[in-house]
Amino acid sequence: MIGLRGIKVERSAQIEGAWHEALSSDRPVIIDAMTDPEEPPIPPHVSFAQMEAMTKAFVAAPKEGLPGALSAVREFAHEFLPGR
């Protein structure tokens, strides 16, 4: 309608392709990414100090508590696994 392009991302395996497609587009692009509202957002490359501070914040938060902290630590650990 207004010249924008839309890309819908429903699985994590689609993210890289969507970014390549968006950055090589000849017009503005909106990436519509379906996310899990229970998964805490973590930048792709975080330092140990940043992860430690975030984990402490999750543990202290009554809503997230220990499950939120464990999820954050699990995501951080995945950064060090082969193939990531």
PDB file of N, CA and C in Angstrom:
ATOM      1  N   MET A   1       0.812  -1.197   0.000  1.00  0.00           N
ATOM      2  CA  MET A   1       0.000   0.000   0.000  1.00  0.00           C
ATOM      3  C   MET A   1       0.859   1.267   0.000  1.00  0.00           C
ATOM      4  N   ILE A   2       1.803   1.348   0.935  1.00  0.00           N
ATOM      5  CA  ILE A   2       2.609   2.564   1.013  1.00  0.00           C
ATOM      6  C   ILE A   2       4.060   2.315   0.623  1.00  0.00           C
ATOM      7  N   GLY A   3       4.316   1.199  -0.030  1.00  0.00           N
ATOM      8  CA  GLY A   3       5.645   0.917  -0.529  1.00  0.00           C
ATOM      9  C   GLY A   3       6.567   0.175   0.417  1.00  0.00           C
ATOM     10  N   LEU A   4       6.063  -0.219   1.571  1.00  0.00           N
ATOM     11  CA  LEU A   4       6.886  -0.983   2.505  1.00  0.00           C
ATOM     12  C   LEU A   4       6.864  -2.458   2.126  1.00  0.00           C
ATOM     13  N   ARG A   5       7.859  -3.141   2.566  1.00  0.00           N
ATOM     14  CA  ARG A   5       7.902  -4.589   2.392  1.00  0.00           C
ATOM     15  C   ARG A   5       7.790  -5.227   3.772  1.00  0.00           C
ATOM     16  N   GLY A   6       7.077  -6.311   3.904  1.00  0.00           N
ATOM     17  CA  GLY A   6       6.929  -6.996   5.176  1.00  0.00           C
ATOM     18  C   GLY A   6       7.479  -8.411   5.102  1.00  0.00           C
ATOM     19  N   ILE A   7       8.186  -8.798   6.146  1.00  0.00           N
ATOM     20  CA  ILE A   7       8.717 -10.154   6.247  1.00  0.00           C
ATOM     21  C   ILE A   7       8.279 -10.705   7.596  1.00  0.00           C
ATOM     22  N   LYS A   8       7.616 -11.850   7.573  1.00  0.00           N
ATOM     23  CA  LYS A   8       7.167 -12.469   8.818  1.00  0.00           C
ATOM     24  C   LYS A   8       8.129 -13.589   9.194  1.00  0.00           C
ATOM     25  N   VAL A   9       8.599 -13.578  10.442  1.00  0.00           N
ATOM     26  CA  VAL A   9       9.513 -14.588  10.956  1.00  0.00           C
ATOM     27  C   VAL A   9       8.781 -15.354  12.060  1.00  0.00           C
ATOM     28  N   GLU A  10       8.614 -16.660  11.842  1.00  0.00           N
ATOM     29  CA  GLU A  10       7.899 -17.478  12.815  1.00  0.00           C
ATOM     30  C   GLU A  10       8.801 -18.459  13.554  1.00  0.00           C
ATOM     31  N   ARG A  11       9.993 -18.730  12.989  1.00  0.00           N
ATOM     32  CA  ARG A  11      10.936 -19.657  13.632  1.00  0.00           C
ATOM     33  C   ARG A  11      12.316 -19.021  13.645  1.00  0.00           C
ATOM     34  N   SER A  12      13.098 -19.359  14.645  1.00  0.00           N
ATOM     35  CA  SER A  12      14.429 -18.766  14.781  1.00  0.00           C
ATOM     36  C   SER A  12      15.315 -19.038  13.570  1.00  0.00           C
ATOM     37  N   ALA A  13      15.086 -20.146  12.884  1.00  0.00           N
ATOM     38  CA  ALA A  13      15.888 -20.473  11.699  1.00  0.00           C
ATOM     39  C   ALA A  13      15.664 -19.484  10.552  1.00  0.00           C
ATOM     40  N   GLN A  14      14.603 -18.698  10.605  1.00  0.00           N
ATOM     41  CA  GLN A  14      14.290 -17.744   9.543  1.00  0.00           C
ATOM     42  C   GLN A  14      14.928 -16.370   9.762  1.00  0.00           C
ATOM     43  N   ILE A  15      15.484 -16.128  10.936  1.00  0.00           N
ATOM     44  CA  ILE A  15      15.961 -14.783  11.273  1.00  0.00           C
ATOM     45  C   ILE A  15      17.074 -14.316  10.349  1.00  0.00           C
ATOM     46  N   GLU A  16      18.091 -15.139  10.163  1.00  0.00           N
ATOM     47  CA  GLU A  16      19.233 -14.722   9.344  1.00  0.00           C
ATOM     48  C   GLU A  16      18.796 -14.371   7.919  1.00  0.00           C
ATOM     49  N   GLY A  17      17.975 -15.212   7.319  1.00  0.00           N
ATOM     50  CA  GLY A  17      17.494 -14.948   5.964  1.00  0.00           C
ATOM     51  C   GLY A  17      16.666 -13.678   5.884  1.00  0.00           C
ATOM     52  N   ALA A  18      15.845 -13.446   6.908  1.00  0.00           N
ATOM     53  CA  ALA A  18      15.016 -12.242   6.928  1.00  0.00           C
ATOM     54  C   ALA A  18      15.885 -10.988   6.987  1.00  0.00           C
ATOM     55  N   TRP A  19      16.935 -11.011   7.805  1.00  0.00           N
ATOM     56  CA  TRP A  19      17.842  -9.857   7.892  1.00  0.00           C
ATOM     57  C   TRP A  19      18.539  -9.613   6.561  1.00  0.00           C
ATOM     58  N   HIS A  20      19.055 -10.678   5.935  1.00  0.00           N
ATOM     59  CA  HIS A  20      19.726 -10.520   4.639  1.00  0.00           C
ATOM     60  C   HIS A  20      18.768  -9.946   3.599  1.00  0.00           C
ATOM     61  N   GLU A  21      17.555 -10.463   3.589  1.00  0.00           N
ATOM     62  CA  GLU A  21      16.545  -9.997   2.642  1.00  0.00           C
ATOM     63  C   GLU A  21      16.194  -8.528   2.900  1.00  0.00           C
ATOM     64  N   ALA A  22      16.031  -8.169   4.178  1.00  0.00           N
ATOM     65  CA  ALA A  22      15.677  -6.794   4.527  1.00  0.00           C
ATOM     66  C   ALA A  22      16.798  -5.818   4.180  1.00  0.00           C
ATOM     67  N   LEU A  23      18.030  -6.198   4.478  1.00  0.00           N
ATOM     68  CA  LEU A  23      19.145  -5.281   4.235  1.00  0.00           C
ATOM     69  C   LEU A  23      19.473  -5.138   2.756  1.00  0.00           C
ATOM     70  N   SER A  24      19.084  -6.088   1.929  1.00  0.00           N
ATOM     71  CA  SER A  24      19.349  -5.976   0.497  1.00  0.00           C
ATOM     72  C   SER A  24      18.134  -5.449  -0.271  1.00  0.00           C
ATOM     73  N   SER A  25      17.079  -5.114   0.425  1.00  0.00           N
ATOM     74  CA  SER A  25      15.861  -4.629  -0.219  1.00  0.00           C
ATOM     75  C   SER A  25      16.047  -3.218  -0.772  1.00  0.00           C
ATOM     76  N   ASP A  26      15.267  -2.897  -1.794  1.00  0.00           N
ATOM     77  CA  ASP A  26      15.328  -1.565  -2.400  1.00  0.00           C
ATOM     78  C   ASP A  26      14.322  -0.600  -1.772  1.00  0.00           C
ATOM     79  N   ARG A  27      13.679  -1.030  -0.701  1.00  0.00           N
ATOM     80  CA  ARG A  27      12.697  -0.179  -0.019  1.00  0.00           C
ATOM     81  C   ARG A  27      12.669  -0.507   1.473  1.00  0.00           C
ATOM     82  N   PRO A  28      12.018   0.307   2.281  1.00  0.00           N
ATOM     83  CA  PRO A  28      11.939   0.031   3.724  1.00  0.00           C
ATOM     84  C   PRO A  28      11.234  -1.300   3.992  1.00  0.00           C
ATOM     85  N   VAL A  29      11.722  -1.989   5.026  1.00  0.00           N
ATOM     86  CA  VAL A  29      11.201  -3.317   5.362  1.00  0.00           C
ATOM     87  C   VAL A  29      10.811  -3.363   6.833  1.00  0.00           C
ATOM     88  N   ILE A  30       9.707  -4.017   7.099  1.00  0.00           N
ATOM     89  CA  ILE A  30       9.293  -4.294   8.473  1.00  0.00           C
ATOM     90  C   ILE A  30       9.418  -5.800   8.690  1.00  0.00           C
ATOM     91  N   ILE A  31      10.175  -6.185   9.711  1.00  0.00           N
ATOM     92  CA  ILE A  31      10.283  -7.598  10.065  1.00  0.00           C
ATOM     93  C   ILE A  31       9.332  -7.849  11.229  1.00  0.00           C
ATOM     94  N   ASP A  32       8.359  -8.706  10.996  1.00  0.00           N
ATOM     95  CA  ASP A  32       7.364  -9.065  12.007  1.00  0.00           C
ATOM     96  C   ASP A  32       7.799 -10.398  12.606  1.00  0.00           C
ATOM     97  N   ALA A  33       8.410 -10.358  13.778  1.00  0.00           N
ATOM     98  CA  ALA A  33       8.950 -11.561  14.407  1.00  0.00           C
ATOM     99  C   ALA A  33       8.044 -12.043  15.531  1.00  0.00           C
ATOM    100  N   MET A  34       7.614 -13.294  15.415  1.00  0.00           N
ATOM    101  CA  MET A  34       6.828 -13.916  16.471  1.00  0.00           C
ATOM    102  C   MET A  34       7.793 -14.315  17.585  1.00  0.00           C
ATOM    103  N   THR A  35       7.508 -13.893  18.797  1.00  0.00           N
ATOM    104  CA  THR A  35       8.399 -14.187  19.917  1.00  0.00           C
ATOM    105  C   THR A  35       7.635 -14.843  21.051  1.00  0.00           C
ATOM    106  N   ASP A  36       8.375 -15.460  21.946  1.00  0.00           N
ATOM    107  CA  ASP A  36       7.807 -16.082  23.136  1.00  0.00           C
ATOM    108  C   ASP A  36       7.794 -15.028  24.242  1.00  0.00           C
ATOM    109  N   PRO A  37       6.629 -14.615  24.712  1.00  0.00           N
ATOM    110  CA  PRO A  37       6.574 -13.574  25.738  1.00  0.00           C
ATOM    111  C   PRO A  37       7.221 -13.995  27.064  1.00  0.00           C
ATOM    112  N   GLU A  38       7.433 -15.274  27.255  1.00  0.00           N
ATOM    113  CA  GLU A  38       8.050 -15.759  28.480  1.00  0.00           C
ATOM    114  C   GLU A  38       9.574 -15.808  28.392  1.00  0.00           C
ATOM    115  N   GLU A  39      10.134 -15.633  27.196  1.00  0.00           N
ATOM    116  CA  GLU A  39      11.584 -15.706  26.997  1.00  0.00           C
ATOM    117  C   GLU A  39      12.186 -14.313  27.149  1.00  0.00           C
ATOM    118  N   PRO A  40      13.129 -14.140  28.064  1.00  0.00           N
ATOM    119  CA  PRO A  40      13.731 -12.812  28.236  1.00  0.00           C
ATOM    120  C   PRO A  40      14.590 -12.443  27.032  1.00  0.00           C
ATOM    121  N   PRO A  41      14.500 -11.192  26.577  1.00  0.00           N
ATOM    122  CA  PRO A  41      15.316 -10.777  25.441  1.00  0.00           C
ATOM    123  C   PRO A  41      16.782 -10.648  25.846  1.00  0.00           C
ATOM    124  N   ILE A  42      17.658 -11.270  25.089  1.00  0.00           N
ATOM    125  CA  ILE A  42      19.091 -11.217  25.379  1.00  0.00           C
ATOM    126  C   ILE A  42      19.805 -10.816  24.096  1.00  0.00           C
ATOM    127  N   PRO A  43      20.667  -9.809  24.155  1.00  0.00           N
ATOM    128  CA  PRO A  43      21.422  -9.440  22.956  1.00  0.00           C
ATOM    129  C   PRO A  43      22.273 -10.611  22.475  1.00  0.00           C
ATOM    130  N   PRO A  44      22.640 -10.640  21.199  1.00  0.00           N
ATOM    131  CA  PRO A  44      23.382 -11.787  20.677  1.00  0.00           C
ATOM    132  C   PRO A  44      24.753 -11.986  21.311  1.00  0.00           C
ATOM    133  N   HIS A  45      25.398 -10.927  21.747  1.00  0.00           N
ATOM    134  CA  HIS A  45      26.734 -11.053  22.349  1.00  0.00           C
ATOM    135  C   HIS A  45      26.755 -10.247  23.643  1.00  0.00           C
ATOM    136  N   VAL A  46      26.690 -10.932  24.742  1.00  0.00           N
ATOM    137  CA  VAL A  46      26.715 -10.262  26.042  1.00  0.00           C
ATOM    138  C   VAL A  46      27.972 -10.670  26.798  1.00  0.00           C
ATOM    139  N   SER A  47      28.436  -9.770  27.625  1.00  0.00           N
ATOM    140  CA  SER A  47      29.609 -10.092  28.436  1.00  0.00           C
ATOM    141  C   SER A  47      29.155 -10.869  29.672  1.00  0.00           C
ATOM    142  N   PHE A  48      30.110 -11.503  30.329  1.00  0.00           N
ATOM    143  CA  PHE A  48      29.776 -12.235  31.547  1.00  0.00           C
ATOM    144  C   PHE A  48      29.224 -11.276  32.608  1.00  0.00           C
ATOM    145  N   ALA A  49      29.814 -10.072  32.709  1.00  0.00           N
ATOM    146  CA  ALA A  49      29.346  -9.093  33.701  1.00  0.00           C
ATOM    147  C   ALA A  49      27.898  -8.689  33.425  1.00  0.00           C
ATOM    148  N   GLN A  50      27.545  -8.517  32.140  1.00  0.00           N
ATOM    149  CA  GLN A  50      26.168  -8.165  31.807  1.00  0.00           C
ATOM    150  C   GLN A  50      25.221  -9.302  32.171  1.00  0.00           C
ATOM    151  N   MET A  51      25.629 -10.533  31.861  1.00  0.00           N
ATOM    152  CA  MET A  51      24.782 -11.678  32.179  1.00  0.00           C
ATOM    153  C   MET A  51      24.629 -11.850  33.687  1.00  0.00           C
ATOM    154  N   GLU A  52      25.708 -11.628  34.413  1.00  0.00           N
ATOM    155  CA  GLU A  52      25.650 -11.744  35.863  1.00  0.00           C
ATOM    156  C   GLU A  52      24.671 -10.725  36.446  1.00  0.00           C
ATOM    157  N   ALA A  53      24.740  -9.485  35.966  1.00  0.00           N
ATOM    158  CA  ALA A  53      23.838  -8.437  36.460  1.00  0.00           C
ATOM    159  C   ALA A  53      22.384  -8.772  36.112  1.00  0.00           C
ATOM    160  N   MET A  54      22.152  -9.262  34.901  1.00  0.00           N
ATOM    161  CA  MET A  54      20.792  -9.610  34.502  1.00  0.00           C
ATOM    162  C   MET A  54      20.267 -10.790  35.313  1.00  0.00           C
ATOM    163  N   THR A  55      21.110 -11.784  35.565  1.00  0.00           N
ATOM    164  CA  THR A  55      20.694 -12.936  36.364  1.00  0.00           C
ATOM    165  C   THR A  55      20.313 -12.509  37.780  1.00  0.00           C
ATOM    166  N   LYS A  56      21.108 -11.618  38.370  1.00  0.00           N
ATOM    167  CA  LYS A  56      20.781 -11.103  39.715  1.00  0.00           C
ATOM    168  C   LYS A  56      19.451 -10.370  39.691  1.00  0.00           C
ATOM    169  N   ALA A  57      19.199  -9.603  38.631  1.00  0.00           N
ATOM    170  CA  ALA A  57      17.931  -8.873  38.523  1.00  0.00           C
ATOM    171  C   ALA A  57      16.759  -9.841  38.399  1.00  0.00           C
ATOM    172  N   PHE A  58      16.932 -10.924  37.625  1.00  0.00           N
ATOM    173  CA  PHE A  58      15.854 -11.909  37.488  1.00  0.00           C
ATOM    174  C   PHE A  58      15.567 -12.603  38.810  1.00  0.00           C
ATOM    175  N   VAL A  59      16.606 -12.961  39.532  1.00  0.00           N
ATOM    176  CA  VAL A  59      16.417 -13.643  40.813  1.00  0.00           C
ATOM    177  C   VAL A  59      15.693 -12.733  41.800  1.00  0.00           C
ATOM    178  N   ALA A  60      16.006 -11.439  41.756  1.00  0.00           N
ATOM    179  CA  ALA A  60      15.393 -10.487  42.681  1.00  0.00           C
ATOM    180  C   ALA A  60      13.953 -10.146  42.299  1.00  0.00           C
ATOM    181  N   ALA A  61      13.593 -10.331  41.031  1.00  0.00           N
ATOM    182  CA  ALA A  61      12.242  -9.972  40.573  1.00  0.00           C
ATOM    183  C   ALA A  61      11.242 -11.031  41.014  1.00  0.00           C
ATOM    184  N   PRO A  62      10.192 -10.618  41.720  1.00  0.00           N
ATOM    185  CA  PRO A  62       9.216 -11.601  42.187  1.00  0.00           C
ATOM    186  C   PRO A  62       8.479 -12.310  41.045  1.00  0.00           C
ATOM    187  N   LYS A  63       8.288 -11.630  39.901  1.00  0.00           N
ATOM    188  CA  LYS A  63       7.550 -12.231  38.796  1.00  0.00           C
ATOM    189  C   LYS A  63       8.367 -13.338  38.120  1.00  0.00           C
ATOM    190  N   GLU A  64       9.637 -13.068  37.838  1.00  0.00           N
ATOM    191  CA  GLU A  64      10.472 -14.029  37.117  1.00  0.00           C
ATOM    192  C   GLU A  64      11.146 -15.011  38.067  1.00  0.00           C
ATOM    193  N   GLY A  65      11.762 -14.476  39.108  1.00  0.00           N
ATOM    194  CA  GLY A  65      12.413 -15.307  40.105  1.00  0.00           C
ATOM    195  C   GLY A  65      13.427 -16.279  39.526  1.00  0.00           C
ATOM    196  N   LEU A  66      13.569 -17.399  40.148  1.00  0.00           N
ATOM    197  CA  LEU A  66      14.555 -18.406  39.750  1.00  0.00           C
ATOM    198  C   LEU A  66      14.308 -18.966  38.342  1.00  0.00           C
ATOM    199  N   PRO A  67      13.062 -19.260  37.940  1.00  0.00           N
ATOM    200  CA  PRO A  67      12.870 -19.766  36.574  1.00  0.00           C
ATOM    201  C   PRO A  67      13.377 -18.787  35.507  1.00  0.00           C
ATOM    202  N   GLY A  68      13.152 -17.501  35.705  1.00  0.00           N
ATOM    203  CA  GLY A  68      13.642 -16.501  34.759  1.00  0.00           C
ATOM    204  C   GLY A  68      15.151 -16.459  34.732  1.00  0.00           C
ATOM    205  N   ALA A  69      15.769 -16.568  35.899  1.00  0.00           N
ATOM    206  CA  ALA A  69      17.230 -16.560  35.973  1.00  0.00           C
ATOM    207  C   ALA A  69      17.809 -17.786  35.281  1.00  0.00           C
ATOM    208  N   LEU A  70      17.208 -18.946  35.492  1.00  0.00           N
ATOM    209  CA  LEU A  70      17.697 -20.170  34.848  1.00  0.00           C
ATOM    210  C   LEU A  70      17.569 -20.089  33.332  1.00  0.00           C
ATOM    211  N   SER A  71      16.490 -19.520  32.870  1.00  0.00           N
ATOM    212  CA  SER A  71      16.302 -19.360  31.432  1.00  0.00           C
ATOM    213  C   SER A  71      17.367 -18.437  30.846  1.00  0.00           C
ATOM    214  N   ALA A  72      17.673 -17.349  31.546  1.00  0.00           N
ATOM    215  CA  ALA A  72      18.696 -16.412  31.082  1.00  0.00           C
ATOM    216  C   ALA A  72      20.070 -17.071  31.047  1.00  0.00           C
ATOM    217  N   VAL A  73      20.393 -17.825  32.068  1.00  0.00           N
ATOM    218  CA  VAL A  73      21.686 -18.508  32.123  1.00  0.00           C
ATOM    219  C   VAL A  73      21.773 -19.561  31.016  1.00  0.00           C
ATOM    220  N   ARG A  74      20.682 -20.269  30.771  1.00  0.00           N
ATOM    221  CA  ARG A  74      20.652 -21.271  29.703  1.00  0.00           C
ATOM    222  C   ARG A  74      20.915 -20.614  28.350  1.00  0.00           C
ATOM    223  N   GLU A  75      20.290 -19.485  28.093  1.00  0.00           N
ATOM    224  CA  GLU A  75      20.497 -18.774  26.828  1.00  0.00           C
ATOM    225  C   GLU A  75      21.947 -18.305  26.700  1.00  0.00           C
ATOM    226  N   PHE A  76      22.514 -17.820  27.781  1.00  0.00           N
ATOM    227  CA  PHE A  76      23.912 -17.387  27.770  1.00  0.00           C
ATOM    228  C   PHE A  76      24.833 -18.568  27.466  1.00  0.00           C
ATOM    229  N   ALA A  77      24.569 -19.710  28.061  1.00  0.00           N
ATOM    230  CA  ALA A  77      25.407 -20.893  27.850  1.00  0.00           C
ATOM    231  C   ALA A  77      25.346 -21.364  26.398  1.00  0.00           C
ATOM    232  N   HIS A  78      24.195 -21.197  25.749  1.00  0.00           N
ATOM    233  CA  HIS A  78      24.065 -21.606  24.357  1.00  0.00           C
ATOM    234  C   HIS A  78      25.003 -20.826  23.443  1.00  0.00           C
ATOM    235  N   GLU A  79      25.408 -19.634  23.830  1.00  0.00           N
ATOM    236  CA  GLU A  79      26.337 -18.836  23.029  1.00  0.00           C
ATOM    237  C   GLU A  79      27.694 -19.533  22.876  1.00  0.00           C
ATOM    238  N   PHE A  80      28.024 -20.414  23.804  1.00  0.00           N
ATOM    239  CA  PHE A  80      29.324 -21.061  23.787  1.00  0.00           C
ATOM    240  C   PHE A  80      29.297 -22.459  23.177  1.00  0.00           C
ATOM    241  N   LEU A  81      28.120 -22.923  22.793  1.00  0.00           N
ATOM    242  CA  LEU A  81      28.013 -24.256  22.200  1.00  0.00           C
ATOM    243  C   LEU A  81      28.452 -24.225  20.737  1.00  0.00           C
ATOM    244  N   PRO A  82      29.043 -25.286  20.255  1.00  0.00           N
ATOM    245  CA  PRO A  82      29.441 -25.333  18.842  1.00  0.00           C
ATOM    246  C   PRO A  82      28.238 -25.164  17.922  1.00  0.00           C
ATOM    247  N   GLY A  83      28.455 -24.496  16.816  1.00  0.00           N
ATOM    248  CA  GLY A  83      27.383 -24.314  15.846  1.00  0.00           C
ATOM    249  C   GLY A  83      26.546 -23.083  16.084  1.00  0.00           C
ATOM    250  N   ARG A  84      26.852 -22.296  17.089  1.00  0.00           N
ATOM    251  CA  ARG A  84      26.097 -21.068  17.362  1.00  0.00           C
ATOM    252  C   ARG A  84      26.789 -19.889  16.784  1.00  0.00           C
TER     253      ARG A  84
END
